[in-house]
Amino acid sequence: MCRVTASILALALLAAACGGGSGGGESEGPNFRSASLVVGQPDFFSRQSDHGMSSVGPWGFGNVADVAVDDSFTLVADWSHSRILGYVGTIQANDPLADFVIGQDDLTSSDPGLDNDRLHDPRGVALDGGRVFVADTKNSRVLIWNQVPQLGACLLYT
């Protein structure tokens, strides 16, 4: 299990997903490599919420808070949309669409809620042995799923 904070999302998550960033990034110094991939933006030089779109969707984030990665899934806490976006496997290409969402009925909703399948301002996410842990900040709780909830509490995007 690899847990990465949002402050190093663009570099660490994406470099880790590509085998540590050794995939052709230009050297910036003796101990620094450029990120190999970007998620949530069309390129490395954009920084608009929701991928610059006027609505919420599988293409971008409102505000990223945390990232969790294992061999099966990549999960990104999008706190301003009260959701966790999920990607099957590790990220292998620039700007992928999310495969599923946790905390909302679908990938285009962003309503905060208080139930066992809803989130309000999630600021942390972790994976451990297939279990998912989410710090649901505004609801003052941690939610735990015994497996990544691709069905039921969230909707698989196809």
N, C-alpha and C. Protein backbone atom coordinates (compact mmCIF):
# COMPACT_ATOMS: atom_id res chain seq x y z
N MET A 1 0.84 -1.18 0.00
CA MET A 1 0.00 0.00 0.00
C MET A 1 0.88 1.23 0.00
N CYS A 2 0.55 2.14 -0.85
CA CYS A 2 1.29 3.40 -0.92
C CYS A 2 0.30 4.52 -0.66
N ARG A 3 0.55 5.37 0.33
CA ARG A 3 -0.33 6.49 0.65
C ARG A 3 0.42 7.78 0.39
N VAL A 4 -0.18 8.65 -0.40
CA VAL A 4 0.49 9.86 -0.81
C VAL A 4 -0.38 11.05 -0.46
N THR A 5 0.18 12.11 0.06
CA THR A 5 -0.59 13.30 0.39
C THR A 5 -0.75 14.19 -0.84
N ALA A 6 -1.74 15.05 -0.79
CA ALA A 6 -2.05 15.90 -1.93
C ALA A 6 -0.93 16.84 -2.28
N SER A 7 -0.10 17.21 -1.32
CA SER A 7 0.96 18.17 -1.60
C SER A 7 1.97 17.66 -2.60
N ILE A 8 2.01 16.35 -2.79
CA ILE A 8 2.95 15.80 -3.79
C ILE A 8 2.23 14.95 -4.80
N LEU A 9 0.92 15.21 -5.00
CA LEU A 9 0.11 14.43 -5.92
C LEU A 9 0.68 14.40 -7.32
N ALA A 10 0.95 15.55 -7.91
CA ALA A 10 1.38 15.60 -9.30
C ALA A 10 2.68 14.86 -9.56
N LEU A 11 3.56 14.85 -8.57
CA LEU A 11 4.84 14.16 -8.75
C LEU A 11 4.81 12.73 -8.24
N ALA A 12 4.54 12.55 -6.97
CA ALA A 12 4.72 11.24 -6.35
C ALA A 12 3.72 10.20 -6.82
N LEU A 13 2.41 10.51 -6.83
CA LEU A 13 1.42 9.53 -7.25
C LEU A 13 1.67 9.09 -8.67
N LEU A 14 1.81 10.04 -9.53
CA LEU A 14 1.92 9.71 -10.93
C LEU A 14 3.27 9.07 -11.26
N ALA A 15 4.30 9.49 -10.61
CA ALA A 15 5.59 8.85 -10.82
C ALA A 15 5.58 7.44 -10.27
N ALA A 16 4.95 7.23 -9.10
CA ALA A 16 4.87 5.89 -8.52
C ALA A 16 4.06 4.96 -9.41
N ALA A 17 3.01 5.49 -10.03
CA ALA A 17 2.19 4.68 -10.92
C ALA A 17 2.96 4.24 -12.16
N CYS A 18 4.02 4.93 -12.47
CA CYS A 18 4.81 4.61 -13.65
C CYS A 18 6.16 4.02 -13.27
N GLY A 19 6.26 3.44 -12.11
CA GLY A 19 7.51 2.81 -11.72
C GLY A 19 8.54 3.78 -11.19
N GLY A 20 8.10 4.81 -10.47
CA GLY A 20 9.04 5.70 -9.82
C GLY A 20 9.50 6.87 -10.66
N GLY A 21 8.83 7.16 -11.73
CA GLY A 21 9.16 8.34 -12.52
C GLY A 21 10.32 8.14 -13.46
N SER A 22 10.73 6.91 -13.69
CA SER A 22 11.88 6.68 -14.56
C SER A 22 11.47 6.57 -16.02
N GLY A 23 10.23 6.98 -16.33
CA GLY A 23 9.73 6.82 -17.68
C GLY A 23 10.01 8.00 -18.58
N GLY A 24 11.16 8.60 -18.54
CA GLY A 24 11.51 9.60 -19.53
C GLY A 24 11.37 11.03 -19.10
N GLY A 25 11.09 11.31 -17.80
CA GLY A 25 11.02 12.69 -17.36
C GLY A 25 12.38 13.33 -17.43
N GLU A 26 12.41 14.63 -17.70
CA GLU A 26 13.66 15.35 -17.78
C GLU A 26 14.23 15.60 -16.39
N SER A 27 15.51 15.51 -16.24
CA SER A 27 16.15 15.73 -14.95
C SER A 27 16.11 17.21 -14.59
N GLU A 28 15.66 17.50 -13.38
CA GLU A 28 15.60 18.88 -12.88
C GLU A 28 16.73 19.14 -11.90
N GLY A 29 17.52 18.17 -11.59
CA GLY A 29 18.58 18.26 -10.62
C GLY A 29 19.00 16.85 -10.23
N PRO A 30 19.95 16.74 -9.33
CA PRO A 30 20.49 15.43 -9.01
C PRO A 30 19.49 14.48 -8.35
N ASN A 31 18.47 14.98 -7.63
CA ASN A 31 17.53 14.12 -6.92
C ASN A 31 16.08 14.38 -7.32
N PHE A 32 15.84 15.01 -8.43
CA PHE A 32 14.48 15.37 -8.81
C PHE A 32 14.21 14.97 -10.25
N ARG A 33 13.08 14.32 -10.47
CA ARG A 33 12.64 13.96 -11.82
C ARG A 33 11.28 14.60 -12.06
N SER A 34 11.02 15.03 -13.27
CA SER A 34 9.72 15.59 -13.61
C SER A 34 8.66 14.50 -13.56
N ALA A 35 7.42 14.90 -13.25
CA ALA A 35 6.31 13.96 -13.25
C ALA A 35 6.14 13.35 -14.63
N SER A 36 5.72 12.11 -14.68
CA SER A 36 5.53 11.41 -15.94
C SER A 36 4.10 11.49 -16.44
N LEU A 37 3.14 11.60 -15.53
CA LEU A 37 1.72 11.62 -15.87
C LEU A 37 1.00 12.69 -15.06
N VAL A 38 -0.17 13.09 -15.54
CA VAL A 38 -1.00 14.05 -14.83
C VAL A 38 -2.44 13.52 -14.82
N VAL A 39 -3.13 13.71 -13.70
CA VAL A 39 -4.52 13.29 -13.55
C VAL A 39 -5.33 14.51 -13.15
N GLY A 40 -6.48 14.72 -13.78
CA GLY A 40 -7.35 15.82 -13.42
C GLY A 40 -7.14 17.09 -14.21
N GLN A 41 -6.16 17.10 -15.08
CA GLN A 41 -5.90 18.24 -15.95
C GLN A 41 -5.54 17.72 -17.34
N PRO A 42 -5.81 18.50 -18.39
CA PRO A 42 -5.48 18.03 -19.74
C PRO A 42 -3.98 18.00 -20.02
N ASP A 43 -3.19 18.77 -19.22
CA ASP A 43 -1.75 18.81 -19.43
C ASP A 43 -1.09 19.26 -18.13
N PHE A 44 0.23 19.33 -18.12
CA PHE A 44 0.97 19.70 -16.92
C PHE A 44 0.89 21.19 -16.59
N PHE A 45 0.35 22.00 -17.49
CA PHE A 45 0.38 23.44 -17.33
C PHE A 45 -0.98 24.05 -17.02
N SER A 46 -2.03 23.22 -16.87
CA SER A 46 -3.38 23.68 -16.53
C SER A 46 -3.62 23.48 -15.04
N ARG A 47 -4.55 24.26 -14.48
CA ARG A 47 -4.88 24.10 -13.07
C ARG A 47 -6.31 24.52 -12.76
N GLN A 48 -7.22 24.29 -13.66
CA GLN A 48 -8.61 24.67 -13.45
C GLN A 48 -9.38 23.56 -12.74
N SER A 49 -10.24 23.96 -11.80
CA SER A 49 -11.12 23.00 -11.16
C SER A 49 -11.99 22.32 -12.20
N ASP A 50 -12.33 21.08 -11.94
CA ASP A 50 -13.22 20.30 -12.81
C ASP A 50 -12.77 20.28 -14.26
N HIS A 51 -11.43 20.32 -14.45
CA HIS A 51 -10.88 20.17 -15.80
C HIS A 51 -11.30 21.32 -16.70
N GLY A 52 -11.72 22.43 -16.08
CA GLY A 52 -12.17 23.58 -16.84
C GLY A 52 -13.60 23.46 -17.35
N MET A 53 -14.29 22.40 -16.94
CA MET A 53 -15.68 22.19 -17.36
C MET A 53 -16.61 22.96 -16.43
N SER A 54 -17.84 23.18 -16.85
CA SER A 54 -18.79 23.91 -16.02
C SER A 54 -19.60 22.98 -15.12
N SER A 55 -19.31 21.69 -15.15
CA SER A 55 -20.04 20.74 -14.32
C SER A 55 -19.09 19.69 -13.74
N VAL A 56 -19.58 18.98 -12.74
CA VAL A 56 -18.83 17.91 -12.09
C VAL A 56 -18.88 16.67 -12.97
N GLY A 57 -17.78 15.94 -13.04
CA GLY A 57 -17.77 14.72 -13.84
C GLY A 57 -16.57 13.85 -13.52
N PRO A 58 -16.35 12.82 -14.34
CA PRO A 58 -15.25 11.88 -14.11
C PRO A 58 -13.90 12.39 -14.58
N TRP A 59 -13.85 13.60 -15.11
CA TRP A 59 -12.64 14.12 -15.75
C TRP A 59 -11.74 14.93 -14.85
N GLY A 60 -12.23 15.44 -13.73
CA GLY A 60 -11.38 16.31 -12.92
C GLY A 60 -11.85 16.40 -11.49
N PHE A 61 -11.18 17.27 -10.74
CA PHE A 61 -11.42 17.42 -9.32
C PHE A 61 -11.79 18.87 -9.00
N GLY A 62 -12.54 19.04 -7.91
CA GLY A 62 -12.74 20.37 -7.38
C GLY A 62 -11.50 20.76 -6.59
N ASN A 63 -11.19 19.98 -5.57
CA ASN A 63 -9.99 20.17 -4.76
C ASN A 63 -9.51 18.81 -4.27
N VAL A 64 -8.31 18.46 -4.60
CA VAL A 64 -7.72 17.19 -4.19
C VAL A 64 -7.20 17.30 -2.77
N ALA A 65 -7.50 16.29 -1.95
CA ALA A 65 -7.02 16.28 -0.57
C ALA A 65 -6.04 15.15 -0.30
N ASP A 66 -6.23 13.98 -0.91
CA ASP A 66 -5.40 12.83 -0.58
C ASP A 66 -5.51 11.79 -1.69
N VAL A 67 -4.54 10.88 -1.70
CA VAL A 67 -4.49 9.82 -2.71
C VAL A 67 -4.07 8.53 -2.03
N ALA A 68 -4.67 7.42 -2.44
CA ALA A 68 -4.26 6.10 -1.97
C ALA A 68 -4.11 5.20 -3.19
N VAL A 69 -3.04 4.40 -3.19
CA VAL A 69 -2.73 3.54 -4.34
C VAL A 69 -2.35 2.16 -3.85
N ASP A 70 -2.87 1.12 -4.50
CA ASP A 70 -2.35 -0.23 -4.34
C ASP A 70 -2.31 -0.87 -5.72
N ASP A 71 -2.08 -2.15 -5.81
CA ASP A 71 -1.97 -2.80 -7.12
C ASP A 71 -3.29 -2.83 -7.89
N SER A 72 -4.41 -2.71 -7.18
CA SER A 72 -5.73 -2.85 -7.82
C SER A 72 -6.44 -1.53 -8.09
N PHE A 73 -6.19 -0.51 -7.25
CA PHE A 73 -6.96 0.72 -7.36
C PHE A 73 -6.11 1.95 -7.06
N THR A 74 -6.55 3.07 -7.63
CA THR A 74 -6.07 4.39 -7.26
C THR A 74 -7.30 5.18 -6.82
N LEU A 75 -7.27 5.73 -5.61
CA LEU A 75 -8.39 6.49 -5.06
C LEU A 75 -7.93 7.92 -4.77
N VAL A 76 -8.74 8.90 -5.16
CA VAL A 76 -8.41 10.31 -4.96
C VAL A 76 -9.55 10.99 -4.21
N ALA A 77 -9.24 11.59 -3.05
CA ALA A 77 -10.23 12.32 -2.28
C ALA A 77 -10.43 13.70 -2.90
N ASP A 78 -11.62 13.96 -3.37
CA ASP A 78 -12.01 15.24 -3.96
C ASP A 78 -12.95 15.92 -2.96
N TRP A 79 -12.38 16.65 -2.01
CA TRP A 79 -13.15 17.14 -0.87
C TRP A 79 -14.24 18.13 -1.23
N SER A 80 -14.03 19.01 -2.18
CA SER A 80 -15.05 20.02 -2.47
C SER A 80 -16.27 19.43 -3.20
N HIS A 81 -16.13 18.22 -3.72
CA HIS A 81 -17.28 17.54 -4.34
C HIS A 81 -17.77 16.37 -3.49
N SER A 82 -17.28 16.27 -2.25
CA SER A 82 -17.73 15.25 -1.31
C SER A 82 -17.71 13.85 -1.91
N ARG A 83 -16.56 13.50 -2.49
CA ARG A 83 -16.46 12.20 -3.14
C ARG A 83 -15.02 11.70 -3.17
N ILE A 84 -14.91 10.41 -3.44
CA ILE A 84 -13.65 9.78 -3.74
C ILE A 84 -13.76 9.26 -5.17
N LEU A 85 -12.88 9.72 -6.05
CA LEU A 85 -12.86 9.19 -7.41
C LEU A 85 -11.96 7.97 -7.44
N GLY A 86 -12.41 6.92 -8.13
CA GLY A 86 -11.67 5.68 -8.18
C GLY A 86 -11.27 5.31 -9.60
N TYR A 87 -10.07 4.79 -9.70
CA TYR A 87 -9.51 4.31 -10.97
C TYR A 87 -9.11 2.86 -10.76
N VAL A 88 -9.51 1.99 -11.67
CA VAL A 88 -9.12 0.59 -11.58
C VAL A 88 -7.66 0.47 -11.97
N GLY A 89 -6.87 -0.16 -11.10
CA GLY A 89 -5.44 -0.32 -11.34
C GLY A 89 -4.67 0.95 -11.04
N THR A 90 -3.43 0.95 -11.45
CA THR A 90 -2.61 2.15 -11.30
C THR A 90 -2.74 2.99 -12.56
N ILE A 91 -2.55 4.27 -12.42
CA ILE A 91 -2.68 5.19 -13.55
C ILE A 91 -1.54 4.93 -14.54
N GLN A 92 -1.88 4.72 -15.81
CA GLN A 92 -0.89 4.40 -16.84
C GLN A 92 -0.84 5.41 -17.98
N ALA A 93 -1.81 6.35 -18.01
CA ALA A 93 -1.86 7.31 -19.11
C ALA A 93 -2.29 8.67 -18.56
N ASN A 94 -1.97 9.73 -19.26
CA ASN A 94 -2.37 11.08 -18.87
C ASN A 94 -3.87 11.24 -18.87
N ASP A 95 -4.36 11.99 -17.88
CA ASP A 95 -5.73 12.49 -17.83
C ASP A 95 -6.80 11.42 -18.02
N PRO A 96 -6.77 10.33 -17.24
CA PRO A 96 -7.81 9.31 -17.39
C PRO A 96 -9.13 9.77 -16.78
N LEU A 97 -10.23 9.20 -17.24
CA LEU A 97 -11.52 9.41 -16.62
C LEU A 97 -11.62 8.44 -15.44
N ALA A 98 -12.29 8.87 -14.38
CA ALA A 98 -12.50 7.98 -13.23
C ALA A 98 -13.40 6.83 -13.65
N ASP A 99 -13.16 5.66 -13.06
CA ASP A 99 -13.96 4.48 -13.34
C ASP A 99 -15.18 4.38 -12.43
N PHE A 100 -15.08 4.92 -11.21
CA PHE A 100 -16.19 4.84 -10.25
C PHE A 100 -16.04 5.95 -9.22
N VAL A 101 -17.07 6.11 -8.40
CA VAL A 101 -17.10 7.14 -7.37
C VAL A 101 -17.59 6.54 -6.06
N ILE A 102 -17.04 7.01 -4.95
CA ILE A 102 -17.50 6.64 -3.62
C ILE A 102 -18.03 7.92 -2.98
N GLY A 103 -19.21 7.86 -2.39
CA GLY A 103 -19.78 9.01 -1.68
C GLY A 103 -20.85 9.76 -2.45
N GLN A 104 -21.08 9.38 -3.69
CA GLN A 104 -22.12 10.00 -4.53
C GLN A 104 -22.84 8.89 -5.30
N ASP A 105 -24.03 9.22 -5.82
CA ASP A 105 -24.79 8.24 -6.61
C ASP A 105 -24.19 8.02 -7.99
N ASP A 106 -23.51 9.05 -8.50
CA ASP A 106 -22.93 8.95 -9.84
C ASP A 106 -21.77 9.94 -9.95
N LEU A 107 -21.10 9.91 -11.06
CA LEU A 107 -19.91 10.73 -11.26
C LEU A 107 -20.20 12.19 -11.57
N THR A 108 -21.47 12.55 -11.66
CA THR A 108 -21.81 13.95 -11.95
C THR A 108 -22.50 14.63 -10.77
N SER A 109 -22.56 13.96 -9.62
CA SER A 109 -23.17 14.54 -8.42
C SER A 109 -22.10 15.00 -7.44
N SER A 110 -22.45 15.97 -6.62
CA SER A 110 -21.49 16.47 -5.63
C SER A 110 -22.17 16.96 -4.37
N ASP A 111 -23.30 16.37 -4.02
CA ASP A 111 -24.06 16.79 -2.84
C ASP A 111 -23.50 16.13 -1.59
N PRO A 112 -23.10 16.91 -0.58
CA PRO A 112 -22.64 16.31 0.67
C PRO A 112 -23.80 15.62 1.38
N GLY A 113 -23.48 14.60 2.16
CA GLY A 113 -24.54 13.89 2.86
C GLY A 113 -24.04 13.21 4.12
N LEU A 114 -24.99 12.70 4.89
CA LEU A 114 -24.71 12.01 6.14
C LEU A 114 -25.48 10.69 6.12
N ASP A 115 -24.83 9.66 5.64
CA ASP A 115 -25.39 8.32 5.61
C ASP A 115 -24.19 7.38 5.46
N ASN A 116 -24.44 6.09 5.38
CA ASN A 116 -23.31 5.16 5.27
C ASN A 116 -22.73 5.09 3.86
N ASP A 117 -23.34 5.76 2.91
CA ASP A 117 -22.81 5.80 1.54
C ASP A 117 -22.58 7.23 1.06
N ARG A 118 -22.53 8.18 1.99
CA ARG A 118 -22.35 9.59 1.64
C ARG A 118 -21.15 10.18 2.38
N LEU A 119 -20.56 11.21 1.79
CA LEU A 119 -19.43 11.90 2.37
C LEU A 119 -19.70 13.39 2.41
N HIS A 120 -18.99 14.08 3.31
CA HIS A 120 -19.03 15.54 3.36
C HIS A 120 -17.61 16.03 3.64
N ASP A 121 -16.95 16.46 2.60
CA ASP A 121 -15.60 17.02 2.71
C ASP A 121 -14.54 15.98 3.09
N PRO A 122 -14.44 14.87 2.34
CA PRO A 122 -13.43 13.87 2.67
C PRO A 122 -12.02 14.41 2.43
N ARG A 123 -11.18 14.33 3.46
CA ARG A 123 -9.83 14.87 3.37
C ARG A 123 -8.74 13.81 3.41
N GLY A 124 -9.11 12.55 3.61
CA GLY A 124 -8.10 11.50 3.65
C GLY A 124 -8.69 10.20 3.14
N VAL A 125 -7.85 9.41 2.48
CA VAL A 125 -8.26 8.09 2.00
C VAL A 125 -7.06 7.16 2.10
N ALA A 126 -7.33 5.91 2.49
CA ALA A 126 -6.26 4.93 2.59
C ALA A 126 -6.78 3.56 2.17
N LEU A 127 -5.90 2.75 1.62
CA LEU A 127 -6.18 1.37 1.27
C LEU A 127 -5.28 0.48 2.11
N ASP A 128 -5.86 -0.62 2.62
CA ASP A 128 -5.07 -1.57 3.39
C ASP A 128 -5.67 -2.95 3.22
N GLY A 129 -5.00 -3.79 2.47
CA GLY A 129 -5.48 -5.16 2.26
C GLY A 129 -6.84 -5.24 1.63
N GLY A 130 -7.16 -4.32 0.74
CA GLY A 130 -8.46 -4.30 0.09
C GLY A 130 -9.51 -3.48 0.82
N ARG A 131 -9.25 -3.10 2.06
CA ARG A 131 -10.17 -2.25 2.82
C ARG A 131 -9.91 -0.78 2.48
N VAL A 132 -10.98 0.02 2.56
CA VAL A 132 -10.89 1.45 2.28
C VAL A 132 -11.26 2.22 3.53
N PHE A 133 -10.43 3.22 3.87
CA PHE A 133 -10.66 4.09 5.01
C PHE A 133 -10.76 5.52 4.49
N VAL A 134 -11.84 6.23 4.88
CA VAL A 134 -12.04 7.61 4.42
C VAL A 134 -12.26 8.51 5.63
N ALA A 135 -11.45 9.55 5.74
CA ALA A 135 -11.65 10.58 6.76
C ALA A 135 -12.71 11.54 6.23
N ASP A 136 -13.92 11.41 6.76
CA ASP A 136 -15.08 12.19 6.34
C ASP A 136 -15.17 13.42 7.26
N THR A 137 -14.43 14.45 6.92
CA THR A 137 -14.12 15.57 7.82
C THR A 137 -15.34 16.28 8.38
N LYS A 138 -16.22 16.78 7.54
CA LYS A 138 -17.35 17.58 8.03
C LYS A 138 -18.37 16.74 8.79
N ASN A 139 -18.35 15.42 8.59
CA ASN A 139 -19.23 14.54 9.36
C ASN A 139 -18.53 14.00 10.61
N SER A 140 -17.29 14.44 10.85
CA SER A 140 -16.52 14.06 12.05
C SER A 140 -16.46 12.56 12.27
N ARG A 141 -16.06 11.84 11.22
CA ARG A 141 -16.01 10.39 11.32
C ARG A 141 -15.03 9.80 10.31
N VAL A 142 -14.74 8.54 10.49
CA VAL A 142 -13.99 7.76 9.51
C VAL A 142 -14.90 6.63 9.06
N LEU A 143 -15.10 6.50 7.76
CA LEU A 143 -15.88 5.40 7.21
C LEU A 143 -14.93 4.32 6.73
N ILE A 144 -15.33 3.05 6.93
CA ILE A 144 -14.50 1.91 6.55
C ILE A 144 -15.34 0.96 5.70
N TRP A 145 -14.81 0.60 4.56
CA TRP A 145 -15.40 -0.42 3.71
C TRP A 145 -14.47 -1.62 3.73
N ASN A 146 -15.03 -2.83 3.78
CA ASN A 146 -14.22 -4.04 3.79
C ASN A 146 -13.67 -4.40 2.42
N GLN A 147 -14.16 -3.74 1.40
CA GLN A 147 -13.61 -3.85 0.05
C GLN A 147 -13.92 -2.56 -0.69
N VAL A 148 -13.22 -2.31 -1.76
CA VAL A 148 -13.47 -1.09 -2.54
C VAL A 148 -14.89 -1.17 -3.09
N PRO A 149 -15.77 -0.23 -2.70
CA PRO A 149 -17.18 -0.31 -3.09
C PRO A 149 -17.44 0.21 -4.50
N GLN A 150 -17.14 -0.61 -5.49
CA GLN A 150 -17.40 -0.20 -6.87
C GLN A 150 -18.87 -0.27 -7.23
N LEU A 151 -19.62 -1.08 -6.53
CA LEU A 151 -21.05 -1.23 -6.77
C LEU A 151 -21.80 -0.97 -5.47
N GLY A 152 -23.06 -0.63 -5.57
CA GLY A 152 -23.87 -0.41 -4.37
C GLY A 152 -23.74 1.02 -3.88
N ALA A 153 -22.73 1.31 -3.04
CA ALA A 153 -22.58 2.65 -2.48
C ALA A 153 -22.10 3.64 -3.52
N CYS A 154 -21.60 3.15 -4.61
CA CYS A 154 -21.18 4.04 -5.69
C CYS A 154 -21.56 3.42 -7.02
N LEU A 155 -21.43 4.16 -8.06
CA LEU A 155 -21.87 3.72 -9.37
C LEU A 155 -20.67 3.52 -10.28
N LEU A 156 -20.58 2.36 -10.89
CA LEU A 156 -19.51 2.10 -11.84
C LEU A 156 -19.78 2.90 -13.10
N TYR A 157 -18.81 3.66 -13.55
CA TYR A 157 -18.95 4.51 -14.73
C TYR A 157 -18.53 3.73 -15.96
N THR A 158 -19.44 3.61 -16.92
CA THR A 158 -19.13 2.91 -18.17
C THR A 158 -19.53 3.73 -19.36
